[in-house]
């Protein structure tokens, strides 16, 4: 079980490699504005402890320019290209 920054349980949907760390990420959801949409997910690194002082990450994927023409959500982004911030 992984707890996100808001204290909510999340299932690990994806493992991302960031430099020398692995980030365990929950479900990505559509975020942003209608004019500037992107996908966001929250995650923790491999040092996660259920009751510990953990680092929480926010992961962002930019949608493709032609996103309005794409029906399959799996093709909306290049899921290998992302930015990560620490929350």
N, C-alpha and C. Protein backbone atom coordinates (compact mmCIF):
# COMPACT_ATOMS: atom_id res chain seq x y z
N UNK A 1 0.84 -1.18 0.00
CA UNK A 1 0.00 0.00 0.00
C UNK A 1 0.89 1.24 0.00
N UNK A 2 0.52 2.22 -0.83
CA UNK A 2 1.23 3.49 -0.91
C UNK A 2 0.25 4.59 -0.51
N UNK A 3 0.71 5.54 0.28
CA UNK A 3 -0.12 6.67 0.69
C UNK A 3 0.40 7.91 -0.02
N UNK A 4 -0.49 8.65 -0.71
CA UNK A 4 -0.03 9.85 -1.41
C UNK A 4 0.05 11.04 -0.46
N UNK A 5 0.40 12.18 -1.02
CA UNK A 5 0.61 13.39 -0.22
C UNK A 5 -0.64 13.82 0.56
N UNK A 6 -1.82 13.44 0.07
CA UNK A 6 -3.07 13.81 0.73
C UNK A 6 -3.53 12.74 1.72
N UNK A 7 -2.70 11.72 1.96
CA UNK A 7 -3.06 10.67 2.89
C UNK A 7 -3.97 9.61 2.29
N UNK A 8 -4.14 9.63 0.98
CA UNK A 8 -5.02 8.69 0.29
C UNK A 8 -4.23 7.48 -0.19
N UNK A 9 -4.81 6.27 -0.03
CA UNK A 9 -4.16 5.06 -0.53
C UNK A 9 -4.18 5.07 -2.05
N UNK A 10 -3.05 4.70 -2.66
CA UNK A 10 -3.00 4.58 -4.11
C UNK A 10 -2.37 3.25 -4.50
N UNK A 11 -2.78 2.72 -5.62
CA UNK A 11 -2.16 1.53 -6.16
C UNK A 11 -1.04 1.97 -7.09
N UNK A 12 0.03 1.22 -7.09
CA UNK A 12 1.15 1.54 -7.98
C UNK A 12 0.76 1.14 -9.40
N UNK A 13 0.67 2.13 -10.27
CA UNK A 13 0.32 1.90 -11.67
C UNK A 13 1.57 1.77 -12.54
N UNK A 14 2.65 2.43 -12.14
CA UNK A 14 3.82 2.52 -12.99
C UNK A 14 5.04 2.76 -12.11
N UNK A 15 6.17 2.24 -12.55
CA UNK A 15 7.44 2.51 -11.87
C UNK A 15 8.30 3.32 -12.84
N UNK A 16 8.68 4.51 -12.43
CA UNK A 16 9.50 5.39 -13.26
C UNK A 16 10.92 5.41 -12.72
N UNK A 17 11.89 5.45 -13.60
CA UNK A 17 13.28 5.58 -13.19
C UNK A 17 13.69 7.04 -13.30
N UNK A 18 14.14 7.59 -12.20
CA UNK A 18 14.55 8.99 -12.13
C UNK A 18 15.96 9.03 -11.55
N UNK A 19 16.93 9.27 -12.41
CA UNK A 19 18.33 9.24 -12.00
C UNK A 19 18.63 7.90 -11.33
N UNK A 20 18.95 7.90 -10.05
CA UNK A 20 19.26 6.64 -9.37
C UNK A 20 18.11 6.17 -8.48
N UNK A 21 16.92 6.72 -8.67
CA UNK A 21 15.76 6.34 -7.85
C UNK A 21 14.67 5.72 -8.70
N UNK A 22 13.87 4.90 -8.05
CA UNK A 22 12.65 4.41 -8.67
C UNK A 22 11.49 5.10 -7.99
N UNK A 23 10.58 5.65 -8.80
CA UNK A 23 9.39 6.33 -8.29
C UNK A 23 8.19 5.43 -8.57
N UNK A 24 7.46 5.09 -7.52
CA UNK A 24 6.25 4.28 -7.64
C UNK A 24 5.07 5.24 -7.76
N UNK A 25 4.40 5.21 -8.90
CA UNK A 25 3.41 6.23 -9.25
C UNK A 25 2.02 5.63 -9.30
N UNK A 26 1.05 6.41 -8.79
CA UNK A 26 -0.34 6.01 -8.87
C UNK A 26 -0.94 6.34 -10.22
N UNK A 27 -2.24 6.25 -10.33
CA UNK A 27 -2.95 6.47 -11.59
C UNK A 27 -2.78 7.92 -12.07
N UNK A 28 -2.42 8.07 -13.34
CA UNK A 28 -2.31 9.40 -13.95
C UNK A 28 -3.71 9.88 -14.32
N UNK A 29 -3.97 11.16 -14.07
CA UNK A 29 -5.28 11.73 -14.39
C UNK A 29 -5.09 13.00 -15.20
N UNK A 30 -6.08 13.30 -16.03
CA UNK A 30 -6.06 14.51 -16.85
C UNK A 30 -6.18 15.72 -15.95
N UNK A 31 -5.32 16.70 -16.18
CA UNK A 31 -5.22 17.85 -15.29
C UNK A 31 -4.98 19.09 -16.14
N UNK A 32 -4.89 20.24 -15.53
CA UNK A 32 -4.62 21.47 -16.25
C UNK A 32 -5.89 22.15 -16.71
N UNK A 33 -5.74 23.00 -17.71
CA UNK A 33 -6.87 23.74 -18.26
C UNK A 33 -7.28 23.14 -19.60
N UNK A 34 -8.40 23.57 -20.11
CA UNK A 34 -8.86 23.10 -21.42
C UNK A 34 -7.86 23.49 -22.51
N UNK A 35 -7.25 24.65 -22.36
CA UNK A 35 -6.28 25.13 -23.34
C UNK A 35 -4.90 24.51 -23.15
N UNK A 36 -4.57 24.10 -21.93
CA UNK A 36 -3.24 23.56 -21.62
C UNK A 36 -3.36 22.30 -20.76
N UNK A 37 -3.90 21.22 -21.33
CA UNK A 37 -4.06 20.00 -20.53
C UNK A 37 -2.75 19.24 -20.38
N UNK A 38 -2.66 18.48 -19.33
CA UNK A 38 -1.53 17.57 -19.10
C UNK A 38 -2.03 16.46 -18.18
N UNK A 39 -1.22 15.45 -18.00
CA UNK A 39 -1.54 14.38 -17.06
C UNK A 39 -0.67 14.53 -15.83
N UNK A 40 -1.25 14.22 -14.67
CA UNK A 40 -0.56 14.31 -13.39
C UNK A 40 -0.75 13.00 -12.64
N UNK A 41 0.27 12.62 -11.89
CA UNK A 41 0.17 11.48 -10.97
C UNK A 41 1.06 11.78 -9.77
N UNK A 42 0.76 11.15 -8.67
CA UNK A 42 1.57 11.30 -7.46
C UNK A 42 2.26 9.99 -7.15
N UNK A 43 3.42 10.06 -6.52
CA UNK A 43 4.15 8.85 -6.20
C UNK A 43 5.13 9.04 -5.07
N UNK A 44 5.78 7.94 -4.72
CA UNK A 44 6.80 7.92 -3.68
C UNK A 44 7.99 7.13 -4.22
N UNK A 45 9.15 7.26 -3.56
CA UNK A 45 10.31 6.51 -4.03
C UNK A 45 10.45 5.18 -3.30
N UNK A 46 11.52 4.45 -3.64
CA UNK A 46 11.70 3.10 -3.11
C UNK A 46 11.99 3.07 -1.62
N UNK A 47 12.26 4.23 -1.03
CA UNK A 47 12.52 4.30 0.41
C UNK A 47 11.26 4.54 1.23
N UNK A 48 10.11 4.40 0.59
CA UNK A 48 8.82 4.64 1.26
C UNK A 48 8.64 3.75 2.48
N UNK A 49 8.18 4.35 3.57
CA UNK A 49 7.80 3.62 4.78
C UNK A 49 6.42 4.09 5.17
N UNK A 50 5.56 3.14 5.52
CA UNK A 50 4.15 3.47 5.77
C UNK A 50 3.97 4.59 6.79
N UNK A 51 4.73 4.58 7.87
CA UNK A 51 4.60 5.63 8.88
C UNK A 51 5.83 6.53 8.93
N UNK A 52 6.59 6.57 7.85
CA UNK A 52 7.84 7.32 7.84
C UNK A 52 7.69 8.73 7.29
N UNK A 53 8.79 9.45 7.32
CA UNK A 53 8.87 10.79 6.75
C UNK A 53 9.29 10.63 5.30
N UNK A 54 8.32 10.56 4.39
CA UNK A 54 8.57 10.18 3.01
C UNK A 54 8.64 11.38 2.08
N UNK A 55 9.34 11.18 0.97
CA UNK A 55 9.37 12.17 -0.10
C UNK A 55 8.21 11.85 -1.04
N UNK A 56 7.39 12.85 -1.31
CA UNK A 56 6.26 12.70 -2.23
C UNK A 56 6.59 13.41 -3.53
N UNK A 57 6.29 12.76 -4.64
CA UNK A 57 6.60 13.29 -5.96
C UNK A 57 5.32 13.57 -6.73
N UNK A 58 5.39 14.60 -7.56
CA UNK A 58 4.32 14.91 -8.49
C UNK A 58 4.92 14.75 -9.89
N UNK A 59 4.30 13.90 -10.69
CA UNK A 59 4.81 13.60 -12.03
C UNK A 59 3.86 14.23 -13.05
N UNK A 60 4.44 14.81 -14.09
CA UNK A 60 3.63 15.50 -15.11
C UNK A 60 4.05 15.03 -16.50
N UNK A 61 3.06 14.72 -17.32
CA UNK A 61 3.27 14.37 -18.72
C UNK A 61 2.53 15.38 -19.57
N UNK A 62 3.20 15.93 -20.57
CA UNK A 62 2.56 16.86 -21.50
C UNK A 62 1.80 16.06 -22.55
N UNK A 63 0.62 16.55 -22.93
CA UNK A 63 -0.13 15.89 -24.00
C UNK A 63 0.43 16.31 -25.35
N UNK A 64 0.21 15.46 -26.33
CA UNK A 64 0.68 15.76 -27.68
C UNK A 64 -0.13 16.91 -28.27
N UNK A 65 0.48 17.64 -29.21
CA UNK A 65 -0.20 18.80 -29.81
C UNK A 65 -1.52 18.42 -30.46
N UNK A 66 -1.59 17.24 -31.03
CA UNK A 66 -2.82 16.81 -31.70
C UNK A 66 -3.74 16.01 -30.77
N UNK A 67 -3.67 16.28 -29.47
CA UNK A 67 -4.43 15.50 -28.49
C UNK A 67 -5.93 15.49 -28.75
N UNK A 68 -6.45 16.54 -29.36
CA UNK A 68 -7.90 16.59 -29.62
C UNK A 68 -8.32 15.57 -30.68
N UNK A 69 -7.37 15.11 -31.48
CA UNK A 69 -7.66 14.12 -32.51
C UNK A 69 -7.43 12.69 -32.05
N UNK A 70 -6.92 12.51 -30.84
CA UNK A 70 -6.57 11.18 -30.33
C UNK A 70 -7.70 10.65 -29.45
N UNK A 71 -8.16 9.46 -29.75
CA UNK A 71 -9.23 8.84 -28.95
C UNK A 71 -8.69 7.92 -27.87
N UNK A 72 -7.57 7.27 -28.13
CA UNK A 72 -7.00 6.32 -27.18
C UNK A 72 -6.12 7.07 -26.17
N UNK A 73 -6.51 7.04 -24.91
CA UNK A 73 -5.79 7.78 -23.88
C UNK A 73 -4.33 7.33 -23.75
N UNK A 74 -4.05 6.08 -24.07
CA UNK A 74 -2.67 5.58 -23.99
C UNK A 74 -1.75 6.28 -24.99
N UNK A 75 -2.32 6.92 -26.00
CA UNK A 75 -1.52 7.59 -27.03
C UNK A 75 -1.48 9.11 -26.85
N UNK A 76 -2.10 9.62 -25.80
CA UNK A 76 -2.18 11.08 -25.56
C UNK A 76 -0.84 11.72 -25.26
N UNK A 77 0.07 10.96 -24.65
CA UNK A 77 1.36 11.49 -24.21
C UNK A 77 2.46 10.54 -24.63
N UNK A 78 3.68 11.05 -24.59
CA UNK A 78 4.84 10.18 -24.63
C UNK A 78 5.09 9.85 -23.16
N UNK A 79 4.66 8.70 -22.72
CA UNK A 79 4.68 8.34 -21.30
C UNK A 79 6.11 8.15 -20.78
N UNK A 80 7.09 8.14 -21.67
CA UNK A 80 8.49 8.02 -21.25
C UNK A 80 9.12 9.39 -21.00
N UNK A 81 8.45 10.46 -21.41
CA UNK A 81 8.94 11.83 -21.21
C UNK A 81 8.09 12.50 -20.14
N UNK A 82 8.69 12.83 -19.00
CA UNK A 82 7.93 13.39 -17.89
C UNK A 82 8.81 14.34 -17.09
N UNK A 83 8.17 15.16 -16.29
CA UNK A 83 8.88 16.01 -15.34
C UNK A 83 8.41 15.62 -13.94
N UNK A 84 9.31 15.75 -12.98
CA UNK A 84 9.02 15.37 -11.61
C UNK A 84 9.34 16.54 -10.69
N UNK A 85 8.43 16.83 -9.77
CA UNK A 85 8.69 17.81 -8.72
C UNK A 85 8.46 17.14 -7.38
N UNK A 86 9.12 17.65 -6.38
CA UNK A 86 8.94 17.13 -5.02
C UNK A 86 7.90 17.98 -4.32
N UNK A 87 6.93 17.30 -3.72
CA UNK A 87 5.87 18.02 -2.98
C UNK A 87 6.23 18.11 -1.52
